[in-house]
Amino acid sequence: MQLSLPSKIIIADGAFHDLGLVSKQHGTRALLVTGKYFLEKSGLLKKLLQDLYSNNIKVTHFFDVPSNPTDESINNAIDLAKLEK
């Protein structure tokens, strides 16, 4: 298995809304790994997903991440990503 983890950190007002455009430069699929509640309750998850979808990014969302992630939770995310392939 090969895993590519390109990194780009953007710090600017509204940078959150550029996620789709930035993601598009790296491919057409994304594994979105989040905690269970914050993004959804804040309304940011809906905005984030809309931005990714509008840039033709297929998203697999793994949200079962505990406060202190374990090897098991990481392996579960990997398994989910493999299923969505």
PDB file of N, CA and C in Angstrom:
ATOM      1  N   MET A   1       0.840  -1.170   0.000  1.00  0.00           N
ATOM      2  CA  MET A   1       0.000   0.000   0.000  1.00  0.00           C
ATOM      3  C   MET A   1       0.886   1.234   0.000  1.00  0.00           C
ATOM      4  N   GLN A   2       0.483   2.233  -0.735  1.00  0.00           N
ATOM      5  CA  GLN A   2       1.175   3.512  -0.736  1.00  0.00           C
ATOM      6  C   GLN A   2       0.242   4.564  -0.172  1.00  0.00           C
ATOM      7  N   LEU A   3       0.791   5.471   0.589  1.00  0.00           N
ATOM      8  CA  LEU A   3       0.017   6.535   1.189  1.00  0.00           C
ATOM      9  C   LEU A   3       0.726   7.846   0.924  1.00  0.00           C
ATOM     10  N   SER A   4       0.023   8.768   0.322  1.00  0.00           N
ATOM     11  CA  SER A   4       0.586  10.082   0.040  1.00  0.00           C
ATOM     12  C   SER A   4      -0.088  11.090   0.954  1.00  0.00           C
ATOM     13  N   LEU A   5       0.696  11.866   1.656  1.00  0.00           N
ATOM     14  CA  LEU A   5       0.163  12.854   2.578  1.00  0.00           C
ATOM     15  C   LEU A   5       0.698  14.252   2.246  1.00  0.00           C
ATOM     16  N   PRO A   6       0.254  14.815   1.134  1.00  0.00           N
ATOM     17  CA  PRO A   6       0.723  16.162   0.805  1.00  0.00           C
ATOM     18  C   PRO A   6       0.223  17.158   1.845  1.00  0.00           C
ATOM     19  N   SER A   7       1.047  18.104   2.191  1.00  0.00           N
ATOM     20  CA  SER A   7       0.678  19.080   3.204  1.00  0.00           C
ATOM     21  C   SER A   7       0.723  20.491   2.643  1.00  0.00           C
ATOM     22  N   LYS A   8      -0.272  21.230   2.969  1.00  0.00           N
ATOM     23  CA  LYS A   8      -0.305  22.641   2.627  1.00  0.00           C
ATOM     24  C   LYS A   8      -1.089  23.320   3.739  1.00  0.00           C
ATOM     25  N   ILE A   9      -0.466  24.265   4.399  1.00  0.00           N
ATOM     26  CA  ILE A   9      -1.120  24.984   5.482  1.00  0.00           C
ATOM     27  C   ILE A   9      -1.379  26.407   5.005  1.00  0.00           C
ATOM     28  N   ILE A  10      -2.648  26.793   5.048  1.00  0.00           N
ATOM     29  CA  ILE A  10      -3.046  28.136   4.612  1.00  0.00           C
ATOM     30  C   ILE A  10      -3.654  28.842   5.814  1.00  0.00           C
ATOM     31  N   ILE A  11      -3.072  29.969   6.160  1.00  0.00           N
ATOM     32  CA  ILE A  11      -3.589  30.761   7.267  1.00  0.00           C
ATOM     33  C   ILE A  11      -4.024  32.106   6.697  1.00  0.00           C
ATOM     34  N   ALA A  12      -5.337  32.288   6.625  1.00  0.00           N
ATOM     35  CA  ALA A  12      -5.881  33.534   6.082  1.00  0.00           C
ATOM     36  C   ALA A  12      -7.372  33.595   6.384  1.00  0.00           C
ATOM     37  N   ASP A  13      -7.912  34.797   6.368  1.00  0.00           N
ATOM     38  CA  ASP A  13      -9.358  34.941   6.519  1.00  0.00           C
ATOM     39  C   ASP A  13     -10.052  34.193   5.391  1.00  0.00           C
ATOM     40  N   GLY A  14     -11.021  33.362   5.731  1.00  0.00           N
ATOM     41  CA  GLY A  14     -11.787  32.650   4.724  1.00  0.00           C
ATOM     42  C   GLY A  14     -11.088  31.454   4.112  1.00  0.00           C
ATOM     43  N   ALA A  15      -9.934  31.071   4.633  1.00  0.00           N
ATOM     44  CA  ALA A  15      -9.181  29.948   4.058  1.00  0.00           C
ATOM     45  C   ALA A  15      -9.993  28.655   4.082  1.00  0.00           C
ATOM     46  N   PHE A  16     -10.862  28.532   5.048  1.00  0.00           N
ATOM     47  CA  PHE A  16     -11.730  27.360   5.163  1.00  0.00           C
ATOM     48  C   PHE A  16     -12.509  27.139   3.862  1.00  0.00           C
ATOM     49  N   HIS A  17     -12.897  28.216   3.218  1.00  0.00           N
ATOM     50  CA  HIS A  17     -13.708  28.132   2.003  1.00  0.00           C
ATOM     51  C   HIS A  17     -12.891  27.784   0.761  1.00  0.00           C
ATOM     52  N   ASP A  18     -11.584  27.691   0.898  1.00  0.00           N
ATOM     53  CA  ASP A  18     -10.728  27.310  -0.236  1.00  0.00           C
ATOM     54  C   ASP A  18     -10.393  25.825  -0.221  1.00  0.00           C
ATOM     55  N   LEU A  19     -10.944  25.090   0.719  1.00  0.00           N
ATOM     56  CA  LEU A  19     -10.587  23.686   0.862  1.00  0.00           C
ATOM     57  C   LEU A  19     -10.869  22.890  -0.404  1.00  0.00           C
ATOM     58  N   GLY A  20     -12.004  23.135  -1.041  1.00  0.00           N
ATOM     59  CA  GLY A  20     -12.347  22.420  -2.271  1.00  0.00           C
ATOM     60  C   GLY A  20     -11.348  22.675  -3.382  1.00  0.00           C
ATOM     61  N   LEU A  21     -10.989  23.934  -3.568  1.00  0.00           N
ATOM     62  CA  LEU A  21     -10.027  24.278  -4.626  1.00  0.00           C
ATOM     63  C   LEU A  21      -8.653  23.675  -4.348  1.00  0.00           C
ATOM     64  N   VAL A  22      -8.229  23.746  -3.106  1.00  0.00           N
ATOM     65  CA  VAL A  22      -6.923  23.193  -2.744  1.00  0.00           C
ATOM     66  C   VAL A  22      -6.947  21.666  -2.886  1.00  0.00           C
ATOM     67  N   SER A  23      -8.026  21.047  -2.447  1.00  0.00           N
ATOM     68  CA  SER A  23      -8.145  19.588  -2.541  1.00  0.00           C
ATOM     69  C   SER A  23      -8.130  19.122  -3.984  1.00  0.00           C
ATOM     70  N   LYS A  24      -8.762  19.890  -4.838  1.00  0.00           N
ATOM     71  CA  LYS A  24      -8.857  19.548  -6.259  1.00  0.00           C
ATOM     72  C   LYS A  24      -7.472  19.429  -6.903  1.00  0.00           C
ATOM     73  N   GLN A  25      -6.504  20.139  -6.383  1.00  0.00           N
ATOM     74  CA  GLN A  25      -5.139  20.089  -6.909  1.00  0.00           C
ATOM     75  C   GLN A  25      -4.463  18.752  -6.619  1.00  0.00           C
ATOM     76  N   HIS A  26      -5.036  17.988  -5.680  1.00  0.00           N
ATOM     77  CA  HIS A  26      -4.418  16.736  -5.249  1.00  0.00           C
ATOM     78  C   HIS A  26      -5.186  15.497  -5.685  1.00  0.00           C
ATOM     79  N   GLY A  27      -6.346  15.667  -6.305  1.00  0.00           N
ATOM     80  CA  GLY A  27      -7.116  14.509  -6.743  1.00  0.00           C
ATOM     81  C   GLY A  27      -8.602  14.754  -6.669  1.00  0.00           C
ATOM     82  N   THR A  28      -9.351  13.665  -6.755  1.00  0.00           N
ATOM     83  CA  THR A  28     -10.809  13.779  -6.792  1.00  0.00           C
ATOM     84  C   THR A  28     -11.495  13.089  -5.617  1.00  0.00           C
ATOM     85  N   ARG A  29     -10.700  12.554  -4.693  1.00  0.00           N
ATOM     86  CA  ARG A  29     -11.275  11.886  -3.522  1.00  0.00           C
ATOM     87  C   ARG A  29     -10.604  12.404  -2.260  1.00  0.00           C
ATOM     88  N   ALA A  30     -11.395  12.432  -1.179  1.00  0.00           N
ATOM     89  CA  ALA A  30     -10.847  12.884   0.103  1.00  0.00           C
ATOM     90  C   ALA A  30     -11.394  12.020   1.225  1.00  0.00           C
ATOM     91  N   LEU A  31     -10.549  11.713   2.173  1.00  0.00           N
ATOM     92  CA  LEU A  31     -10.974  11.080   3.418  1.00  0.00           C
ATOM     93  C   LEU A  31     -11.003  12.181   4.468  1.00  0.00           C
ATOM     94  N   LEU A  32     -12.189  12.541   4.880  1.00  0.00           N
ATOM     95  CA  LEU A  32     -12.378  13.595   5.875  1.00  0.00           C
ATOM     96  C   LEU A  32     -12.487  12.933   7.246  1.00  0.00           C
ATOM     97  N   VAL A  33     -11.547  13.221   8.116  1.00  0.00           N
ATOM     98  CA  VAL A  33     -11.496  12.613   9.443  1.00  0.00           C
ATOM     99  C   VAL A  33     -11.783  13.711  10.468  1.00  0.00           C
ATOM    100  N   THR A  34     -12.867  13.517  11.217  1.00  0.00           N
ATOM    101  CA  THR A  34     -13.281  14.539  12.184  1.00  0.00           C
ATOM    102  C   THR A  34     -13.688  13.891  13.496  1.00  0.00           C
ATOM    103  N   GLY A  35     -13.894  14.738  14.494  1.00  0.00           N
ATOM    104  CA  GLY A  35     -14.487  14.274  15.738  1.00  0.00           C
ATOM    105  C   GLY A  35     -15.973  14.024  15.516  1.00  0.00           C
ATOM    106  N   LYS A  36     -16.646  13.599  16.554  1.00  0.00           N
ATOM    107  CA  LYS A  36     -18.038  13.179  16.410  1.00  0.00           C
ATOM    108  C   LYS A  36     -19.031  14.333  16.305  1.00  0.00           C
ATOM    109  N   TYR A  37     -18.776  15.452  16.944  1.00  0.00           N
ATOM    110  CA  TYR A  37     -19.849  16.430  17.082  1.00  0.00           C
ATOM    111  C   TYR A  37     -19.546  17.860  16.638  1.00  0.00           C
ATOM    112  N   PHE A  38     -18.368  18.366  16.894  1.00  0.00           N
ATOM    113  CA  PHE A  38     -18.130  19.808  16.763  1.00  0.00           C
ATOM    114  C   PHE A  38     -18.468  20.360  15.383  1.00  0.00           C
ATOM    115  N   LEU A  39     -17.908  19.788  14.331  1.00  0.00           N
ATOM    116  CA  LEU A  39     -18.141  20.346  13.000  1.00  0.00           C
ATOM    117  C   LEU A  39     -19.611  20.331  12.623  1.00  0.00           C
ATOM    118  N   GLU A  40     -20.300  19.260  12.969  1.00  0.00           N
ATOM    119  CA  GLU A  40     -21.721  19.176  12.627  1.00  0.00           C
ATOM    120  C   GLU A  40     -22.538  20.186  13.427  1.00  0.00           C
ATOM    121  N   LYS A  41     -22.316  20.236  14.724  1.00  0.00           N
ATOM    122  CA  LYS A  41     -23.081  21.154  15.577  1.00  0.00           C
ATOM    123  C   LYS A  41     -22.818  22.610  15.232  1.00  0.00           C
ATOM    124  N   SER A  42     -21.601  22.912  14.788  1.00  0.00           N
ATOM    125  CA  SER A  42     -21.247  24.297  14.471  1.00  0.00           C
ATOM    126  C   SER A  42     -21.760  24.727  13.098  1.00  0.00           C
ATOM    127  N   GLY A  43     -22.199  23.757  12.289  1.00  0.00           N
ATOM    128  CA  GLY A  43     -22.650  24.074  10.934  1.00  0.00           C
ATOM    129  C   GLY A  43     -21.518  24.087   9.920  1.00  0.00           C
ATOM    130  N   LEU A  44     -20.294  23.912  10.392  1.00  0.00           N
ATOM    131  CA  LEU A  44     -19.143  23.959   9.488  1.00  0.00           C
ATOM    132  C   LEU A  44     -19.050  22.728   8.598  1.00  0.00           C
ATOM    133  N   LEU A  45     -19.529  21.588   9.080  1.00  0.00           N
ATOM    134  CA  LEU A  45     -19.446  20.359   8.283  1.00  0.00           C
ATOM    135  C   LEU A  45     -20.242  20.501   6.989  1.00  0.00           C
ATOM    136  N   LYS A  46     -21.435  21.035   7.093  1.00  0.00           N
ATOM    137  CA  LYS A  46     -22.279  21.221   5.907  1.00  0.00           C
ATOM    138  C   LYS A  46     -21.587  22.136   4.892  1.00  0.00           C
ATOM    139  N   LYS A  47     -21.019  23.225   5.360  1.00  0.00           N
ATOM    140  CA  LYS A  47     -20.320  24.163   4.472  1.00  0.00           C
ATOM    141  C   LYS A  47     -19.093  23.507   3.839  1.00  0.00           C
ATOM    142  N   LEU A  48     -18.346  22.772   4.647  1.00  0.00           N
ATOM    143  CA  LEU A  48     -17.146  22.105   4.164  1.00  0.00           C
ATOM    144  C   LEU A  48     -17.499  21.082   3.082  1.00  0.00           C
ATOM    145  N   LEU A  49     -18.517  20.257   3.340  1.00  0.00           N
ATOM    146  CA  LEU A  49     -18.924  19.249   2.367  1.00  0.00           C
ATOM    147  C   LEU A  49     -19.444  19.889   1.082  1.00  0.00           C
ATOM    148  N   GLN A  50     -20.215  20.955   1.198  1.00  0.00           N
ATOM    149  CA  GLN A  50     -20.724  21.648   0.010  1.00  0.00           C
ATOM    150  C   GLN A  50     -19.569  22.153  -0.849  1.00  0.00           C
ATOM    151  N   ASP A  51     -18.550  22.697  -0.206  1.00  0.00           N
ATOM    152  CA  ASP A  51     -17.396  23.214  -0.939  1.00  0.00           C
ATOM    153  C   ASP A  51     -16.650  22.086  -1.652  1.00  0.00           C
ATOM    154  N   LEU A  52     -16.461  20.979  -0.974  1.00  0.00           N
ATOM    155  CA  LEU A  52     -15.777  19.842  -1.592  1.00  0.00           C
ATOM    156  C   LEU A  52     -16.607  19.282  -2.750  1.00  0.00           C
ATOM    157  N   TYR A  53     -17.902  19.080  -2.524  1.00  0.00           N
ATOM    158  CA  TYR A  53     -18.766  18.540  -3.586  1.00  0.00           C
ATOM    159  C   TYR A  53     -18.826  19.471  -4.790  1.00  0.00           C
ATOM    160  N   SER A  54     -18.866  20.779  -4.555  1.00  0.00           N
ATOM    161  CA  SER A  54     -18.943  21.726  -5.672  1.00  0.00           C
ATOM    162  C   SER A  54     -17.663  21.730  -6.507  1.00  0.00           C
ATOM    163  N   ASN A  55     -16.584  21.175  -5.947  1.00  0.00           N
ATOM    164  CA  ASN A  55     -15.324  21.041  -6.678  1.00  0.00           C
ATOM    165  C   ASN A  55     -15.102  19.605  -7.149  1.00  0.00           C
ATOM    166  N   ASN A  56     -16.202  18.837  -7.196  1.00  0.00           N
ATOM    167  CA  ASN A  56     -16.185  17.453  -7.683  1.00  0.00           C
ATOM    168  C   ASN A  56     -15.247  16.539  -6.897  1.00  0.00           C
ATOM    169  N   ILE A  57     -15.198  16.758  -5.592  1.00  0.00           N
ATOM    170  CA  ILE A  57     -14.405  15.909  -4.713  1.00  0.00           C
ATOM    171  C   ILE A  57     -15.350  14.902  -4.062  1.00  0.00           C
ATOM    172  N   LYS A  58     -15.079  13.611  -4.251  1.00  0.00           N
ATOM    173  CA  LYS A  58     -15.858  12.566  -3.586  1.00  0.00           C
ATOM    174  C   LYS A  58     -15.317  12.430  -2.171  1.00  0.00           C
ATOM    175  N   VAL A  59     -16.198  12.537  -1.192  1.00  0.00           N
ATOM    176  CA  VAL A  59     -15.773  12.565   0.210  1.00  0.00           C
ATOM    177  C   VAL A  59     -16.222  11.304   0.940  1.00  0.00           C
ATOM    178  N   THR A  60     -15.276  10.692   1.623  1.00  0.00           N
ATOM    179  CA  THR A  60     -15.586   9.640   2.583  1.00  0.00           C
ATOM    180  C   THR A  60     -15.364  10.277   3.952  1.00  0.00           C
ATOM    181  N   HIS A  61     -16.415  10.315   4.767  1.00  0.00           N
ATOM    182  CA  HIS A  61     -16.333  10.993   6.058  1.00  0.00           C
ATOM    183  C   HIS A  61     -16.242   9.957   7.181  1.00  0.00           C
ATOM    184  N   PHE A  62     -15.133   9.980   7.896  1.00  0.00           N
ATOM    185  CA  PHE A  62     -14.935   9.140   9.073  1.00  0.00           C
ATOM    186  C   PHE A  62     -15.013  10.052  10.287  1.00  0.00           C
ATOM    187  N   PHE A  63     -16.035   9.835  11.123  1.00  0.00           N
ATOM    188  CA  PHE A  63     -16.256  10.741  12.247  1.00  0.00           C
ATOM    189  C   PHE A  63     -16.187  10.059  13.611  1.00  0.00           C
ATOM    190  N   ASP A  64     -15.722   8.843  13.644  1.00  0.00           N
ATOM    191  CA  ASP A  64     -15.673   8.108  14.907  1.00  0.00           C
ATOM    192  C   ASP A  64     -14.279   8.211  15.532  1.00  0.00           C
ATOM    193  N   VAL A  65     -13.830   9.430  15.723  1.00  0.00           N
ATOM    194  CA  VAL A  65     -12.493   9.659  16.264  1.00  0.00           C
ATOM    195  C   VAL A  65     -12.606  10.086  17.729  1.00  0.00           C
ATOM    196  N   PRO A  66     -12.060   9.292  18.627  1.00  0.00           N
ATOM    197  CA  PRO A  66     -12.101   9.682  20.042  1.00  0.00           C
ATOM    198  C   PRO A  66     -11.125  10.828  20.330  1.00  0.00           C
ATOM    199  N   SER A  67     -11.259  11.407  21.501  1.00  0.00           N
ATOM    200  CA  SER A  67     -10.391  12.523  21.890  1.00  0.00           C
ATOM    201  C   SER A  67      -8.917  12.178  21.777  1.00  0.00           C
ATOM    202  N   ASN A  68      -8.569  10.984  22.172  1.00  0.00           N
ATOM    203  CA  ASN A  68      -7.199  10.507  22.059  1.00  0.00           C
ATOM    204  C   ASN A  68      -7.217   9.299  21.127  1.00  0.00           C
ATOM    205  N   PRO A  69      -7.026   9.530  19.829  1.00  0.00           N
ATOM    206  CA  PRO A  69      -7.160   8.436  18.855  1.00  0.00           C
ATOM    207  C   PRO A  69      -6.252   7.250  19.159  1.00  0.00           C
ATOM    208  N   THR A  70      -6.793   6.079  18.926  1.00  0.00           N
ATOM    209  CA  THR A  70      -6.053   4.841  19.137  1.00  0.00           C
ATOM    210  C   THR A  70      -5.669   4.251  17.783  1.00  0.00           C
ATOM    211  N   ASP A  71      -4.801   3.266  17.815  1.00  0.00           N
ATOM    212  CA  ASP A  71      -4.462   2.542  16.585  1.00  0.00           C
ATOM    213  C   ASP A  71      -5.720   1.956  15.951  1.00  0.00           C
ATOM    214  N   GLU A  72      -6.613   1.477  16.787  1.00  0.00           N
ATOM    215  CA  GLU A  72      -7.851   0.869  16.282  1.00  0.00           C
ATOM    216  C   GLU A  72      -8.691   1.875  15.499  1.00  0.00           C
ATOM    217  N   SER A  73      -8.823   3.109  16.009  1.00  0.00           N
ATOM    218  CA  SER A  73      -9.626   4.100  15.292  1.00  0.00           C
ATOM    219  C   SER A  73      -8.968   4.488  13.967  1.00  0.00           C
ATOM    220  N   ILE A  74      -7.652   4.536  13.955  1.00  0.00           N
ATOM    221  CA  ILE A  74      -6.936   4.834  12.706  1.00  0.00           C
ATOM    222  C   ILE A  74      -7.143   3.705  11.701  1.00  0.00           C
ATOM    223  N   ASN A  75      -7.038   2.482  12.156  1.00  0.00           N
ATOM    224  CA  ASN A  75      -7.264   1.341  11.270  1.00  0.00           C
ATOM    225  C   ASN A  75      -8.699   1.307  10.753  1.00  0.00           C
ATOM    226  N   ASN A  76      -9.663   1.713  11.582  1.00  0.00           N
ATOM    227  CA  ASN A  76     -11.054   1.777  11.141  1.00  0.00           C
ATOM    228  C   ASN A  76     -11.228   2.806  10.020  1.00  0.00           C
ATOM    229  N   ALA A  77     -10.552   3.941  10.136  1.00  0.00           N
ATOM    230  CA  ALA A  77     -10.615   4.964   9.082  1.00  0.00           C
ATOM    231  C   ALA A  77     -10.005   4.439   7.786  1.00  0.00           C
ATOM    232  N   ILE A  78      -8.897   3.752   7.891  1.00  0.00           N
ATOM    233  CA  ILE A  78      -8.240   3.172   6.711  1.00  0.00           C
ATOM    234  C   ILE A  78      -9.153   2.141   6.059  1.00  0.00           C
ATOM    235  N   ASP A  79      -9.785   1.297   6.869  1.00  0.00           N
ATOM    236  CA  ASP A  79     -10.702   0.288   6.335  1.00  0.00           C
ATOM    237  C   ASP A  79     -11.865   0.938   5.586  1.00  0.00           C
ATOM    238  N   LEU A  80     -12.400   2.009   6.138  1.00  0.00           N
ATOM    239  CA  LEU A  80     -13.502   2.724   5.490  1.00  0.00           C
ATOM    240  C   LEU A  80     -13.052   3.292   4.162  1.00  0.00           C
ATOM    241  N   ALA A  81     -11.870   3.882   4.130  1.00  0.00           N
ATOM    242  CA  ALA A  81     -11.350   4.456   2.890  1.00  0.00           C
ATOM    243  C   ALA A  81     -11.163   3.370   1.827  1.00  0.00           C
ATOM    244  N   LYS A  82     -10.708   2.208   2.232  1.00  0.00           N
ATOM    245  CA  LYS A  82     -10.525   1.091   1.286  1.00  0.00           C
ATOM    246  C   LYS A  82     -11.864   0.631   0.724  1.00  0.00           C
ATOM    247  N   LEU A  83     -12.904   0.614   1.558  1.00  0.00           N
ATOM    248  CA  LEU A  83     -14.231   0.208   1.096  1.00  0.00           C
ATOM    249  C   LEU A  83     -14.793   1.174   0.060  1.00  0.00           C
ATOM    250  N   GLU A  84     -14.466   2.448   0.202  1.00  0.00           N
ATOM    251  CA  GLU A  84     -14.997   3.483  -0.682  1.00  0.00           C
ATOM    252  C   GLU A  84     -14.231   3.602  -1.987  1.00  0.00           C
ATOM    253  N   LYS A  85     -13.181   2.849  -2.143  1.00  0.00           N
ATOM    254  CA  LYS A  85     -12.310   2.941  -3.313  1.00  0.00           C
ATOM    255  C   LYS A  85     -13.016   2.752  -4.613  1.00  0.00           C
TER     256      LYS A  85
END
